[in-house]
Amino acid sequence: MHLITSKDKLTDIKTAGLSIRPNSSDLKPYYEILKSILLKHGVTLYADTQSAKLLDIEGIPRKEMYAKSDILISIGGDGTLLSLSRRSYHYDKPILGINAGNLGFLTDIKLYEIEDFITKIFIGEYRIDHRMVLEVELISKVENKHLIAFNDIVLSRPSIDGMVNVNAYVSSSEVHMDKKHLNHYYGDGVIVSTPTGSTAYNLSAGGPIVYPLTQALIITPICPHSLTQRPLVLPADFEVTFESEDETIIVIDGQDIYNLKFFDAIRIKVAQKSVRMIHRIERNYFDVLKQKLHWGS
């Protein structure tokens, strides 16, 4: 395991793309402040069609906005930023999250801080964090499906009276290990999390908090039938594969849902490319943990 560190800076910002929290028509003040300060720096602000409708402005399709923009901006909570990160992943654009939500593990810029922080971006007083994401492959005899997970992949029971019954296998070319049986999980489910996602469902299920710039796979059983089942952290060069003959629901980042019965297996590994997130230089992850989890209070 190692940290992903970077001293990247943005060289030329002429356009920015905006996505806001769905079903929120009360974010116009954020948009107005953002548009005004970006205009002072000669930056054109686009909004995707869905966001534009809520803001009562003209918008453009998401894919066109991702392609045109030098940076992407989300206004909402962590879920809004997560959704934007996943949808725009293949366009490899840096992302800034403005917090109009409650939790704020990922989004750290408040309404009153927008003007000050945007100004700092143009004088280089910011940092870019590289957040590891997971590459998910749903394997079938017909066609394999490839997806991206920013927070986690959850293998869940199909109904309240059912149980997840899956076999897990690990492999790693780095240590010359072919597919090897790791564990048999029987219980409410299993979570495979990124370090960024370690403070989400993984934390609620009793999994470890892992520093978000670490590269690692976190496997956490959900209410296992056996008390001997415990969370496991694997180095980033490992792959984990799950197989089951029983019905098992797969939930990716709480947004996409599949059924394992339509596939032979699900394979999960660290993606080669990370998500770049723009933050304040002074942002300290441990301060965020203390604030959000009320440590030391």
Protein backbone atom coordinates (compact mmCIF):
# COMPACT_ATOMS: atom_id res chain seq x y z
CA MET A 1 0.00 0.00 0.00
CA HIS A 2 1.18 3.49 -0.77
CA LEU A 3 -0.09 7.08 -0.99
CA ILE A 4 -1.02 8.81 -4.24
CA THR A 5 0.65 12.21 -3.97
CA SER A 6 0.70 14.96 -6.58
CA LYS A 7 1.84 18.53 -7.13
CA ASP A 8 -0.36 18.98 -10.22
CA LYS A 9 -1.61 22.45 -11.11
CA LEU A 10 -4.09 23.56 -13.76
CA THR A 11 -2.33 25.52 -16.49
CA ASP A 12 -5.19 27.22 -18.32
CA ILE A 13 -8.86 27.44 -17.27
CA LYS A 14 -11.20 28.93 -19.87
CA THR A 15 -14.34 26.83 -19.35
CA ALA A 16 -16.07 25.17 -16.42
CA GLY A 17 -18.95 22.70 -16.28
CA LEU A 18 -21.59 22.66 -13.53
CA SER A 19 -23.81 19.92 -12.11
CA ILE A 20 -26.10 20.55 -9.15
CA ARG A 21 -27.97 18.29 -6.75
CA PRO A 22 -31.06 16.75 -8.43
CA ASN A 23 -34.50 18.09 -7.51
CA SER A 24 -33.00 21.18 -5.87
CA SER A 25 -34.36 24.48 -7.12
CA ASP A 26 -32.91 26.46 -4.18
CA LEU A 27 -29.29 26.53 -5.38
CA LYS A 28 -29.57 29.57 -7.64
CA PRO A 29 -27.59 31.80 -5.19
CA TYR A 30 -24.64 29.39 -5.44
CA TYR A 31 -24.83 29.50 -9.23
CA GLU A 32 -25.01 33.30 -9.38
CA ILE A 33 -21.95 33.76 -7.13
CA LEU A 34 -20.01 31.09 -9.02
CA LYS A 35 -20.86 32.51 -12.44
CA SER A 36 -19.98 36.06 -11.36
CA ILE A 37 -16.53 35.22 -9.97
CA LEU A 38 -15.65 32.91 -12.89
CA LEU A 39 -16.63 35.66 -15.34
CA LYS A 40 -14.15 38.01 -13.64
CA HIS A 41 -11.43 35.53 -14.56
CA GLY A 42 -12.65 35.12 -18.14
CA VAL A 43 -14.13 31.65 -17.58
CA THR A 44 -17.30 30.52 -19.36
CA LEU A 45 -19.62 28.45 -17.15
CA TYR A 46 -21.74 25.69 -18.71
CA ALA A 47 -24.46 23.72 -16.91
CA ASP A 48 -25.72 20.31 -17.89
CA THR A 49 -29.29 20.14 -19.18
CA GLN A 50 -30.80 18.69 -15.99
CA SER A 51 -29.07 21.24 -13.73
CA ALA A 52 -29.92 24.11 -16.06
CA LYS A 53 -33.61 23.26 -15.89
CA LEU A 54 -33.54 23.59 -12.10
CA LEU A 55 -31.63 26.88 -12.35
CA ASP A 56 -33.94 28.20 -15.09
CA ILE A 57 -31.06 28.79 -17.52
CA GLU A 58 -29.96 27.30 -20.83
CA GLY A 59 -27.91 24.12 -20.59
CA ILE A 60 -26.04 21.61 -22.72
CA PRO A 61 -25.94 17.77 -22.70
CA ARG A 62 -23.71 16.22 -20.06
CA LYS A 63 -21.23 14.57 -22.40
CA GLU A 64 -20.81 17.79 -24.38
CA MET A 65 -20.23 19.71 -21.13
CA TYR A 66 -17.62 17.20 -19.93
CA ALA A 67 -15.76 17.42 -23.23
CA LYS A 68 -15.81 21.25 -23.35
CA SER A 69 -14.86 21.96 -19.73
CA ASP A 70 -11.38 22.49 -18.28
CA ILE A 71 -12.73 21.85 -14.78
CA LEU A 72 -16.02 20.43 -13.48
CA ILE A 73 -17.91 21.77 -10.46
CA SER A 74 -20.63 20.16 -8.38
CA ILE A 75 -23.01 22.01 -6.06
CA GLY A 76 -24.74 19.78 -3.52
CA GLY A 77 -23.51 17.13 -1.16
CA ASP A 78 -21.09 14.23 -1.38
CA GLY A 79 -23.61 12.25 -3.46
CA THR A 80 -23.72 14.96 -6.12
CA LEU A 81 -19.93 15.00 -6.34
CA LEU A 82 -19.79 11.21 -6.43
CA SER A 83 -22.30 11.09 -9.30
CA LEU A 84 -20.40 13.73 -11.29
CA SER A 85 -17.10 11.90 -10.71
CA ARG A 86 -18.51 8.63 -12.05
CA ARG A 87 -20.28 10.11 -15.07
CA SER A 88 -17.28 12.21 -16.15
CA TYR A 89 -14.60 9.66 -15.27
CA HIS A 90 -13.49 8.87 -18.81
CA TYR A 91 -13.08 12.59 -19.62
CA ASP A 92 -10.36 12.92 -16.95
CA LYS A 93 -11.33 16.42 -15.78
CA PRO A 94 -10.45 17.83 -12.31
CA ILE A 95 -13.49 18.31 -10.07
CA LEU A 96 -14.35 20.89 -7.42
CA GLY A 97 -17.12 20.15 -4.92
CA ILE A 98 -19.10 23.01 -3.38
CA ASN A 99 -20.96 21.90 -0.26
CA ALA A 100 -24.67 22.63 -0.15
CA GLY A 101 -25.35 19.43 1.80
CA ASN A 102 -24.88 18.20 5.34
CA LEU A 103 -22.05 15.66 5.55
CA GLY A 104 -19.24 17.14 3.48
CA PHE A 105 -16.54 14.46 3.60
CA LEU A 106 -15.73 15.24 -0.06
CA THR A 107 -17.17 18.70 -0.61
CA ASP A 108 -15.47 21.29 1.56
CA ILE A 109 -16.21 24.73 0.03
CA LYS A 110 -19.18 26.55 1.58
CA LEU A 111 -21.33 29.26 -0.03
CA TYR A 112 -19.46 32.11 1.70
CA GLU A 113 -16.10 30.65 0.61
CA ILE A 114 -16.77 30.37 -3.13
CA GLU A 115 -15.40 33.75 -4.20
CA ASP A 116 -12.28 33.51 -2.04
CA PHE A 117 -11.42 29.96 -3.12
CA ILE A 118 -12.06 30.50 -6.85
CA THR A 119 -9.66 33.46 -6.65
CA LYS A 120 -7.08 31.21 -4.99
CA ILE A 121 -7.36 28.71 -7.85
CA PHE A 122 -6.17 31.35 -10.30
CA ILE A 123 -3.09 32.15 -8.23
CA GLY A 124 -2.22 28.51 -7.64
CA GLU A 125 -3.20 28.32 -3.97
CA TYR A 126 -4.94 24.96 -4.03
CA ARG A 127 -4.09 21.30 -4.32
CA ILE A 128 -5.29 18.40 -6.46
CA ASP A 129 -5.92 15.08 -4.70
CA HIS A 130 -5.88 11.87 -6.73
CA ARG A 131 -8.63 9.57 -5.42
CA MET A 132 -8.41 5.88 -6.25
CA VAL A 133 -11.45 4.30 -7.93
CA LEU A 134 -12.42 0.69 -8.60
CA GLU A 135 -12.84 -0.98 -11.96
CA VAL A 136 -15.74 -3.42 -11.90
CA GLU A 137 -16.18 -6.21 -14.44
CA LEU A 138 -19.42 -8.19 -14.55
CA ILE A 139 -18.45 -11.38 -16.33
CA SER A 140 -20.81 -13.42 -18.50
CA LYS A 141 -20.58 -15.84 -21.40
CA VAL A 142 -22.30 -13.32 -23.66
CA GLU A 143 -20.57 -10.02 -22.91
CA ASN A 144 -18.62 -8.55 -20.02
CA LYS A 145 -19.84 -5.25 -18.56
CA HIS A 146 -17.27 -2.70 -17.33
CA LEU A 147 -18.15 -0.07 -14.69
CA ILE A 148 -16.46 2.36 -12.29
CA ALA A 149 -17.03 2.62 -8.53
CA PHE A 150 -15.89 5.71 -6.62
CA ASN A 151 -17.03 4.65 -3.13
CA ASP A 152 -17.97 0.99 -3.01
CA ILE A 153 -19.50 -2.15 -4.46
CA VAL A 154 -22.02 -3.89 -2.21
CA LEU A 155 -23.10 -7.51 -2.62
CA SER A 156 -26.44 -7.59 -0.86
CA ARG A 157 -29.12 -10.13 -0.02
CA PRO A 158 -32.07 -10.19 -2.45
CA SER A 159 -34.75 -9.92 0.25
CA ILE A 160 -35.14 -9.25 3.95
CA ASP A 161 -35.46 -12.98 4.69
CA GLY A 162 -32.56 -14.03 2.45
CA MET A 163 -28.80 -14.29 2.92
CA VAL A 164 -25.82 -13.58 0.70
CA ASN A 165 -23.94 -16.78 -0.07
CA VAL A 166 -20.80 -16.00 -2.10
CA ASN A 167 -17.27 -17.28 -2.56
CA ALA A 168 -14.44 -14.75 -2.77
CA TYR A 169 -11.18 -15.30 -4.66
CA VAL A 170 -8.03 -13.17 -4.80
CA SER A 171 -5.24 -12.93 -7.35
CA SER A 172 -2.18 -10.75 -7.92
CA SER A 173 0.37 -10.69 -10.72
CA GLU A 174 2.67 -8.70 -8.42
CA VAL A 175 3.14 -11.63 -6.03
CA HIS A 176 2.67 -14.27 -8.78
CA MET A 177 -0.56 -15.55 -7.28
CA ASP A 178 -3.22 -17.00 -9.53
CA LYS A 179 -6.88 -17.06 -8.54
CA LYS A 180 -7.00 -18.42 -4.99
CA HIS A 181 -10.01 -19.00 -2.77
CA LEU A 182 -10.09 -16.39 0.01
CA ASN A 183 -13.33 -16.81 1.89
CA HIS A 184 -16.94 -17.90 1.89
CA TYR A 185 -19.22 -15.05 2.93
CA TYR A 186 -22.62 -15.92 4.37
CA GLY A 187 -24.68 -13.13 5.90
CA ASP A 188 -26.34 -9.85 4.96
CA GLY A 189 -23.68 -8.97 2.40
CA VAL A 190 -20.14 -7.87 1.60
CA ILE A 191 -18.72 -4.42 0.86
CA VAL A 192 -15.67 -3.78 -1.31
CA SER A 193 -14.66 -0.18 -0.67
CA THR A 194 -12.12 2.38 -1.81
CA PRO A 195 -10.27 4.39 0.86
CA THR A 196 -12.49 7.36 -0.06
CA GLY A 197 -15.55 5.17 0.50
CA SER A 198 -14.23 3.82 3.79
CA THR A 199 -16.21 6.50 5.68
CA ALA A 200 -19.47 5.55 3.91
CA TYR A 201 -21.33 2.22 4.18
CA ASN A 202 -18.05 0.49 5.08
CA LEU A 203 -17.80 2.53 8.29
CA SER A 204 -21.41 1.77 9.25
CA ALA A 205 -20.72 -1.96 8.80
CA GLY A 206 -17.74 -1.84 11.16
CA GLY A 207 -15.03 -1.56 8.50
CA PRO A 208 -11.80 0.42 8.97
CA ILE A 209 -11.26 4.07 8.09
CA VAL A 210 -8.43 4.25 5.53
CA TYR A 211 -6.66 7.50 4.60
CA PRO A 212 -8.25 8.56 1.27
CA LEU A 213 -5.01 9.00 -0.70
CA THR A 214 -4.02 5.40 0.04
CA GLN A 215 -4.28 2.75 -2.66
CA ALA A 216 -5.99 -0.30 -1.17
CA LEU A 217 -9.00 -2.61 -1.42
CA ILE A 218 -11.17 -2.86 1.71
CA ILE A 219 -13.41 -5.92 2.09
CA THR A 220 -15.98 -5.76 4.89
CA PRO A 221 -18.66 -8.38 5.67
CA ILE A 222 -22.12 -7.06 6.59
CA CYS A 223 -23.62 -8.81 9.64
CA PRO A 224 -21.89 -12.13 8.87
CA HIS A 225 -23.41 -15.39 10.08
CA SER A 226 -20.05 -16.30 11.65
CA LEU A 227 -18.33 -14.05 14.19
CA THR A 228 -14.94 -15.12 12.78
CA GLN A 229 -15.53 -13.01 9.65
CA ARG A 230 -13.59 -9.73 9.84
CA PRO A 231 -12.75 -6.79 7.55
CA LEU A 232 -9.69 -7.19 5.35
CA VAL A 233 -7.45 -4.58 3.66
CA LEU A 234 -5.56 -5.69 0.53
CA PRO A 235 -2.79 -3.93 -1.43
CA ALA A 236 -3.85 -2.19 -4.63
CA ASP A 237 -2.29 -4.77 -6.97
CA PHE A 238 -4.72 -7.46 -5.80
CA GLU A 239 -7.94 -8.36 -7.60
CA VAL A 240 -10.96 -9.88 -5.88
CA THR A 241 -13.60 -12.01 -7.62
CA PHE A 242 -16.97 -13.07 -6.23
CA GLU A 243 -19.02 -16.02 -7.49
CA SER A 244 -22.36 -17.41 -6.36
CA GLU A 245 -25.05 -19.77 -7.54
CA ASP A 246 -27.62 -17.91 -5.44
CA GLU A 247 -29.39 -14.66 -6.24
CA THR A 248 -27.24 -11.72 -5.10
CA ILE A 249 -27.86 -8.01 -5.65
CA ILE A 250 -24.89 -5.86 -6.69
CA VAL A 251 -25.10 -2.15 -5.84
CA ILE A 252 -22.41 0.19 -7.20
CA ASP A 253 -21.98 3.50 -5.37
CA GLY A 254 -25.60 3.23 -4.21
CA GLN A 255 -26.66 4.25 -7.73
CA ASP A 256 -26.45 1.28 -10.14
CA ILE A 257 -28.06 -2.08 -9.36
CA TYR A 258 -27.42 -5.48 -10.99
CA ASN A 259 -28.24 -9.09 -10.17
CA LEU A 260 -25.36 -11.54 -9.98
CA LYS A 261 -27.62 -14.37 -11.20
CA PHE A 262 -27.33 -12.90 -14.73
CA PHE A 263 -23.50 -13.10 -14.57
CA ASP A 264 -20.90 -15.76 -13.90
CA ALA A 265 -18.83 -13.57 -11.57
CA ILE A 266 -17.91 -10.03 -10.57
CA ARG A 267 -14.24 -9.03 -10.67
CA ILE A 268 -13.01 -5.92 -8.85
CA LYS A 269 -9.62 -4.21 -9.09
CA VAL A 270 -8.05 -0.78 -8.73
CA ALA A 271 -8.54 1.32 -11.88
CA GLN A 272 -5.40 2.60 -13.61
CA LYS A 273 -6.70 6.17 -13.64
CA SER A 274 -7.76 8.12 -10.55
CA VAL A 275 -10.26 10.95 -10.04
CA ARG A 276 -8.67 14.38 -9.54
CA MET A 277 -10.35 16.50 -6.87
CA ILE A 278 -9.59 20.17 -6.19
CA HIS A 279 -9.24 21.12 -2.50
CA ARG A 280 -8.03 23.92 -0.28
CA ILE A 281 -4.34 23.61 0.58
CA GLU A 282 -5.15 23.84 4.27
CA ARG A 283 -7.78 21.08 4.18
CA ASN A 284 -6.74 18.38 6.65
CA TYR A 285 -8.44 14.99 6.51
CA PHE A 286 -8.04 14.37 10.23
CA ASP A 287 -9.74 17.66 11.04
CA VAL A 288 -12.62 16.53 8.81
CA LEU A 289 -12.84 13.21 10.67
CA LYS A 290 -12.84 14.93 14.05
CA GLN A 291 -15.57 17.33 12.94
CA LYS A 292 -17.85 14.85 11.17
CA LEU A 293 -17.44 11.98 13.65
CA HIS A 294 -17.30 14.22 16.75
CA TRP A 295 -14.00 12.77 17.91
CA GLY A 296 -12.66 14.31 21.10
CA SER A 297 -15.90 16.18 21.83
